[in-house]
């Protein structure tokens, strides 16, 4: 008996099947319906000569799946993506392959969708100013996702190290009806929202400059010794994470702040508690959402994309 043929869903098909607003809604609905991020298997990270191999399995009542991804820091200099991979979606009962999805596009969508799902519950109602650190795919995805939940955003400041990539980033928004300009880290002093989407290993800005009403999302790292935000940001903020276990295992922004005494690990707020309304963020202080990217997020959105393709 031959194995069922899996549906191939490339990057363009995936983006068509999974608009960012639908992805945000799917993440929130999954958590509201009882999904437990703490039960997700840990990510397997295998160091290799030129980077890392990542294996991210998850399962639910309806689906199982696994993402196989690679991280090659030297690839951008070769004109290749830093992160590559594919996602294999399986039927939960038979474990038969249902679909193979473009892993890069899925990662870009799900990372920004999870950030927006959190920011939707943390950010002020009508923000106008967004500061974005980074000029890569995640920076673009976060602009799209954050504008989807807060269409009042009108002014975007982009902080980037590479002048050519920064110019290309700005040019992309030339006719978007927005004010999009290059800026410096000090722009956070006027920010309503801040998105950290970089490969930085040390803090990007001075947390003492953050307004009390600001919300920060930090997604650039899943390594325990790398961080995008400083101790001051962690100390001042309500800190929300996808899962306590994953954050204390992989999130350098959290781990290093705990180690220095700037952050009490018992004070971490789980995203599921935030979505279900069992915990509410203190709006008198900044809010920080630290994401490492988890397998359940890929599974939820891969399932939604597959079902959309079957309609």
Protein backbone atom coordinates (compact mmCIF):
# COMPACT_ATOMS: atom_id res chain seq x y z
CA UNK A 1 0.00 0.00 0.00
CA UNK A 2 1.45 3.36 -1.02
CA UNK A 3 1.78 6.32 1.32
CA UNK A 4 -0.75 9.14 0.81
CA UNK A 5 0.61 12.06 -1.18
CA UNK A 6 1.17 15.16 0.90
CA UNK A 7 -0.05 18.55 -0.33
CA UNK A 8 2.83 20.91 -1.12
CA UNK A 9 2.25 24.44 0.18
CA UNK A 10 4.93 26.87 -0.98
CA UNK A 11 5.59 30.33 0.40
CA UNK A 12 3.12 32.12 -1.89
CA UNK A 13 0.38 29.55 -1.27
CA UNK A 14 0.99 29.78 2.47
CA UNK A 15 0.71 33.55 2.58
CA UNK A 16 -2.51 33.36 0.55
CA UNK A 17 -3.97 30.67 2.81
CA UNK A 18 -2.91 32.33 6.05
CA UNK A 19 -3.42 36.13 6.14
CA UNK A 20 -1.73 37.64 9.16
CA UNK A 21 -4.99 38.70 10.83
CA UNK A 22 -6.29 35.14 10.55
CA UNK A 23 -3.03 33.83 11.99
CA UNK A 24 -3.30 36.14 15.03
CA UNK A 25 -6.87 35.00 15.62
CA UNK A 26 -5.90 31.33 15.32
CA UNK A 27 -3.16 31.68 17.94
CA UNK A 28 -5.50 33.41 20.39
CA UNK A 29 -8.30 30.89 19.79
CA UNK A 30 -5.99 27.92 20.32
CA UNK A 31 -4.89 29.27 23.70
CA UNK A 32 -8.40 30.28 24.69
CA UNK A 33 -9.61 26.77 23.85
CA UNK A 34 -7.20 25.19 26.31
CA UNK A 35 -3.92 24.54 24.47
CA UNK A 36 -1.14 24.25 27.06
CA UNK A 37 2.19 25.67 25.82
CA UNK A 38 3.98 24.17 28.83
CA UNK A 39 3.23 20.68 27.47
CA UNK A 40 5.09 21.30 24.20
CA UNK A 41 8.20 19.16 23.62
CA UNK A 42 11.46 21.06 23.93
CA UNK A 43 13.19 22.19 20.76
CA UNK A 44 16.15 20.02 19.77
CA UNK A 45 19.17 22.11 18.78
CA UNK A 46 22.11 20.34 17.16
CA UNK A 47 25.26 22.43 16.60
CA UNK A 48 26.95 21.80 13.25
CA UNK A 49 30.01 23.30 11.63
CA UNK A 50 28.22 26.23 9.99
CA UNK A 51 25.24 26.76 12.28
CA UNK A 52 22.45 24.78 13.87
CA UNK A 53 19.90 22.10 13.00
CA UNK A 54 16.56 22.59 14.76
CA UNK A 55 13.85 19.97 15.27
CA UNK A 56 10.46 21.17 16.57
CA UNK A 57 7.73 18.50 17.03
CA UNK A 58 4.22 19.02 18.41
CA UNK A 59 0.82 17.31 18.39
CA UNK A 60 -2.84 17.98 19.06
CA UNK A 61 -6.10 16.06 18.88
CA UNK A 62 -6.31 16.66 15.14
CA UNK A 63 -2.74 16.99 13.89
CA UNK A 64 0.86 16.15 14.59
CA UNK A 65 3.77 17.84 12.92
CA UNK A 66 7.42 18.70 12.94
CA UNK A 67 9.50 21.55 11.61
CA UNK A 68 13.04 20.85 10.51
CA UNK A 69 14.93 24.11 10.25
CA UNK A 70 18.51 25.26 9.85
CA UNK A 71 20.19 28.42 11.09
CA UNK A 72 23.28 29.40 9.10
CA UNK A 73 24.65 32.79 10.27
CA UNK A 74 26.96 33.04 7.26
CA UNK A 75 24.20 32.66 4.67
CA UNK A 76 23.17 36.33 4.26
CA UNK A 77 26.67 37.14 2.99
CA UNK A 78 26.11 34.47 0.34
CA UNK A 79 22.73 35.84 -0.66
CA UNK A 80 20.91 32.98 1.09
CA UNK A 81 18.38 33.03 3.96
CA UNK A 82 19.78 32.74 7.47
CA UNK A 83 16.92 30.39 8.38
CA UNK A 84 15.70 27.63 6.06
CA UNK A 85 13.46 24.61 6.51
CA UNK A 86 10.19 22.79 5.90
CA UNK A 87 7.22 21.74 7.96
CA UNK A 88 5.64 18.27 7.79
CA UNK A 89 1.99 18.17 8.86
CA UNK A 90 0.51 14.77 9.80
CA UNK A 91 -2.92 13.41 10.59
CA UNK A 92 -3.01 12.81 14.36
CA UNK A 93 -4.83 9.47 14.17
CA UNK A 94 -2.96 7.75 11.32
CA UNK A 95 0.23 9.86 11.33
CA UNK A 96 -0.12 9.96 7.55
CA UNK A 97 1.52 12.97 5.85
CA UNK A 98 -1.00 15.65 4.93
CA UNK A 99 1.14 18.57 3.81
CA UNK A 100 4.68 19.87 3.45
CA UNK A 101 4.83 23.63 4.03
CA UNK A 102 7.55 26.18 3.38
CA UNK A 103 9.22 26.48 6.77
CA UNK A 104 10.68 29.96 6.27
CA UNK A 105 7.34 31.51 5.36
CA UNK A 106 5.59 29.63 8.18
CA UNK A 107 8.17 30.87 10.69
CA UNK A 108 7.85 34.46 9.49
CA UNK A 109 4.06 34.38 9.79
CA UNK A 110 3.83 32.56 13.09
CA UNK A 111 6.48 34.59 14.87
CA UNK A 112 4.80 37.88 14.00
CA UNK A 113 1.34 36.45 14.65
CA UNK A 114 2.31 35.35 18.17
CA UNK A 115 3.85 38.77 18.86
CA UNK A 116 0.68 40.47 17.65
CA UNK A 117 -1.53 38.09 19.65
CA UNK A 118 0.32 39.21 22.78
CA UNK A 119 0.58 42.89 21.80
CA UNK A 120 -3.17 42.96 21.13
CA UNK A 121 -3.67 42.41 24.86
CA UNK A 122 -0.74 44.53 26.06
CA UNK A 123 -0.51 47.60 23.83
CA UNK A 124 -2.41 50.84 24.32
CA UNK A 125 -5.64 51.09 22.36
CA UNK A 126 -4.57 53.65 19.75
CA UNK A 127 -0.78 53.64 19.36
CA UNK A 128 0.75 55.84 16.69
CA UNK A 129 4.50 55.25 16.90
CA UNK A 130 6.29 51.96 16.26
CA UNK A 131 10.05 51.51 16.52
CA UNK A 132 11.43 48.46 14.68
CA UNK A 133 14.92 47.12 15.26
CA UNK A 134 16.05 45.07 12.25
CA UNK A 135 15.50 45.12 8.51
CA UNK A 136 15.00 41.44 7.70
CA UNK A 137 11.89 39.32 7.01
CA UNK A 138 10.79 39.32 10.65
CA UNK A 139 10.89 43.11 10.76
CA UNK A 140 8.57 43.28 7.73
CA UNK A 141 6.28 40.62 9.19
CA UNK A 142 6.03 42.48 12.48
CA UNK A 143 5.13 45.76 10.80
CA UNK A 144 2.31 43.95 8.99
CA UNK A 145 1.11 42.04 12.06
CA UNK A 146 1.22 44.98 14.47
CA UNK A 147 -0.59 47.21 11.99
CA UNK A 148 -3.24 44.48 11.67
CA UNK A 149 -4.07 44.68 15.38
CA UNK A 150 -3.42 48.42 15.73
CA UNK A 151 -4.31 50.20 12.46
CA UNK A 152 -3.75 53.56 14.17
CA UNK A 153 0.02 53.11 13.76
CA UNK A 154 1.13 55.92 11.47
CA UNK A 155 4.79 56.54 12.23
CA UNK A 156 7.46 53.84 11.98
CA UNK A 157 11.09 54.35 12.90
CA UNK A 158 13.48 51.67 11.66
CA UNK A 159 16.83 51.07 13.33
CA UNK A 160 19.26 49.03 11.23
CA UNK A 161 23.01 48.53 10.95
CA UNK A 162 23.31 47.83 7.21
CA UNK A 163 22.69 51.03 5.22
CA UNK A 164 21.74 49.25 1.99
CA UNK A 165 19.22 46.96 3.70
CA UNK A 166 17.86 49.89 5.67
CA UNK A 167 17.33 51.90 2.46
CA UNK A 168 15.61 48.94 0.82
CA UNK A 169 13.37 48.51 3.86
CA UNK A 170 12.30 52.15 3.82
CA UNK A 171 11.66 52.10 0.06
CA UNK A 172 9.21 49.25 0.47
CA UNK A 173 6.85 51.52 2.41
CA UNK A 174 7.09 54.54 0.16
CA UNK A 175 3.42 54.45 -0.87
CA UNK A 176 1.91 52.85 2.22
CA UNK A 177 0.43 56.06 3.60
CA UNK A 178 2.83 55.92 6.55
CA UNK A 179 5.74 57.98 7.80
CA UNK A 180 8.61 55.48 7.73
CA UNK A 181 12.08 56.75 8.54
CA UNK A 182 15.49 55.63 9.71
CA UNK A 183 16.34 56.34 13.31
CA UNK A 184 18.56 55.61 16.28
CA UNK A 185 17.91 53.51 19.41
CA UNK A 186 16.90 56.62 21.34
CA UNK A 187 13.66 56.68 19.33
CA UNK A 188 12.18 54.29 21.91
CA UNK A 189 11.68 57.33 24.17
CA UNK A 190 8.68 58.31 22.00
CA UNK A 191 7.49 54.81 21.11
CA UNK A 192 4.11 53.26 21.77
CA UNK A 193 5.28 49.90 20.40
CA UNK A 194 8.80 48.50 19.96
CA UNK A 195 9.60 45.38 17.89
CA UNK A 196 13.05 43.80 18.31
CA UNK A 197 13.66 41.55 15.30
CA UNK A 198 17.44 41.18 15.15
CA UNK A 199 20.27 38.73 15.60
CA UNK A 200 21.81 40.98 18.27
CA UNK A 201 23.45 39.33 21.25
CA UNK A 202 23.57 42.44 23.42
CA UNK A 203 20.81 44.95 24.29
CA UNK A 204 19.58 47.24 21.54
CA UNK A 205 18.45 50.22 23.62
CA UNK A 206 18.47 51.76 27.09
CA UNK A 207 15.42 50.51 28.94
CA UNK A 208 15.27 53.58 31.14
CA UNK A 209 14.13 55.56 28.07
CA UNK A 210 10.97 53.49 27.55
CA UNK A 211 7.71 55.33 28.26
CA UNK A 212 5.60 53.67 30.93
CA UNK A 213 2.82 53.01 28.39
CA UNK A 214 5.08 51.26 25.84
CA UNK A 215 4.90 47.62 24.79
CA UNK A 216 8.01 45.79 23.58
CA UNK A 217 8.10 42.52 21.65
CA UNK A 218 11.47 40.76 21.39
CA UNK A 219 11.76 37.79 19.04
CA UNK A 220 15.32 37.70 17.74
CA UNK A 221 16.89 34.99 19.84
CA UNK A 222 16.22 31.55 21.30
CA UNK A 223 19.65 31.25 22.89
CA UNK A 224 20.26 31.54 26.65
CA UNK A 225 23.30 33.82 26.27
CA UNK A 226 21.85 36.30 23.74
CA UNK A 227 19.53 39.19 24.43
CA UNK A 228 17.91 42.19 22.74
CA UNK A 229 16.65 43.98 25.87
CA UNK A 230 18.57 45.01 28.96
CA UNK A 231 18.08 44.40 32.68
CA UNK A 232 16.42 47.79 33.07
CA UNK A 233 13.69 46.88 30.57
CA UNK A 234 13.10 43.56 32.33
CA UNK A 235 13.09 45.18 35.78
CA UNK A 236 10.62 47.90 34.79
CA UNK A 237 8.23 45.73 32.80
CA UNK A 238 5.49 43.19 33.14
CA UNK A 239 7.21 40.31 31.33
CA UNK A 240 5.04 37.93 29.30
CA UNK A 241 6.38 34.69 27.80
CA UNK A 242 4.96 31.90 25.65
CA UNK A 243 5.74 29.34 28.34
CA UNK A 244 7.69 29.54 31.58
CA UNK A 245 9.70 26.42 30.80
CA UNK A 246 10.74 27.51 27.34
CA UNK A 247 11.62 31.03 28.48
CA UNK A 248 13.78 29.84 31.37
CA UNK A 249 15.46 27.33 29.06
CA UNK A 250 16.05 29.41 25.92
CA UNK A 251 15.30 33.13 26.36
CA UNK A 252 18.50 34.99 27.11
CA UNK A 253 16.51 38.19 27.68
CA UNK A 254 14.80 36.40 30.59
CA UNK A 255 17.61 34.12 31.78
CA UNK A 256 20.23 36.85 32.03
CA UNK A 257 17.83 39.22 33.79
CA UNK A 258 16.94 36.50 36.30
CA UNK A 259 20.60 35.70 36.84
CA UNK A 260 21.42 39.35 37.57
CA UNK A 261 18.49 39.71 39.96
CA UNK A 262 16.65 42.17 37.72
CA UNK A 263 13.73 39.78 37.17
CA UNK A 264 11.90 37.39 39.49
CA UNK A 265 11.08 34.22 37.51
CA UNK A 266 7.91 33.79 39.56
CA UNK A 267 6.68 37.11 38.18
CA UNK A 268 6.64 35.88 34.56
CA UNK A 269 3.19 35.92 32.96
CA UNK A 270 2.25 33.10 30.59
CA UNK A 271 0.69 34.09 27.27
CA UNK A 272 -2.13 31.59 27.80
CA UNK A 273 -3.08 33.28 31.10
CA UNK A 274 -3.06 36.64 29.37
CA UNK A 275 -5.27 35.40 26.51
CA UNK A 276 -7.71 33.68 28.88
CA UNK A 277 -7.94 36.78 31.06
CA UNK A 278 -6.79 35.05 34.25
CA UNK A 279 -3.92 37.56 34.49
CA UNK A 280 -3.93 41.17 33.34
CA UNK A 281 -0.85 43.28 32.67
CA UNK A 282 -0.08 46.26 34.87
CA UNK A 283 -0.69 49.22 32.55
CA UNK A 284 1.24 51.61 34.82
CA UNK A 285 4.54 50.14 33.65
CA UNK A 286 6.03 48.97 30.31
CA UNK A 287 5.04 45.56 28.99
CA UNK A 288 7.57 43.15 27.47
CA UNK A 289 6.65 40.06 25.45
CA UNK A 290 9.62 37.76 24.96
CA UNK A 291 9.16 35.03 22.36
CA UNK A 292 11.51 32.16 21.53
CA UNK A 293 9.21 30.50 18.99
CA UNK A 294 7.52 27.23 19.93
CA UNK A 295 6.42 24.15 18.02
CA UNK A 296 2.74 24.42 19.01
CA UNK A 297 2.55 27.73 17.14
CA UNK A 298 3.79 26.13 13.91
CA UNK A 299 1.33 23.26 14.33
CA UNK A 300 -1.67 25.51 14.90
CA UNK A 301 -0.97 27.65 11.86
CA UNK A 302 0.07 24.76 9.60
CA UNK A 303 -3.29 23.16 10.36
CA UNK A 304 -5.18 26.37 9.56
CA UNK A 305 -3.27 26.79 6.29
CA UNK A 306 -3.91 23.16 5.28
CA UNK A 307 -7.62 23.44 6.00
CA UNK A 308 -7.83 26.66 4.02
CA UNK A 309 -6.26 24.90 1.03
CA UNK A 310 -8.85 22.10 1.25
CA UNK A 311 -11.84 24.43 1.00
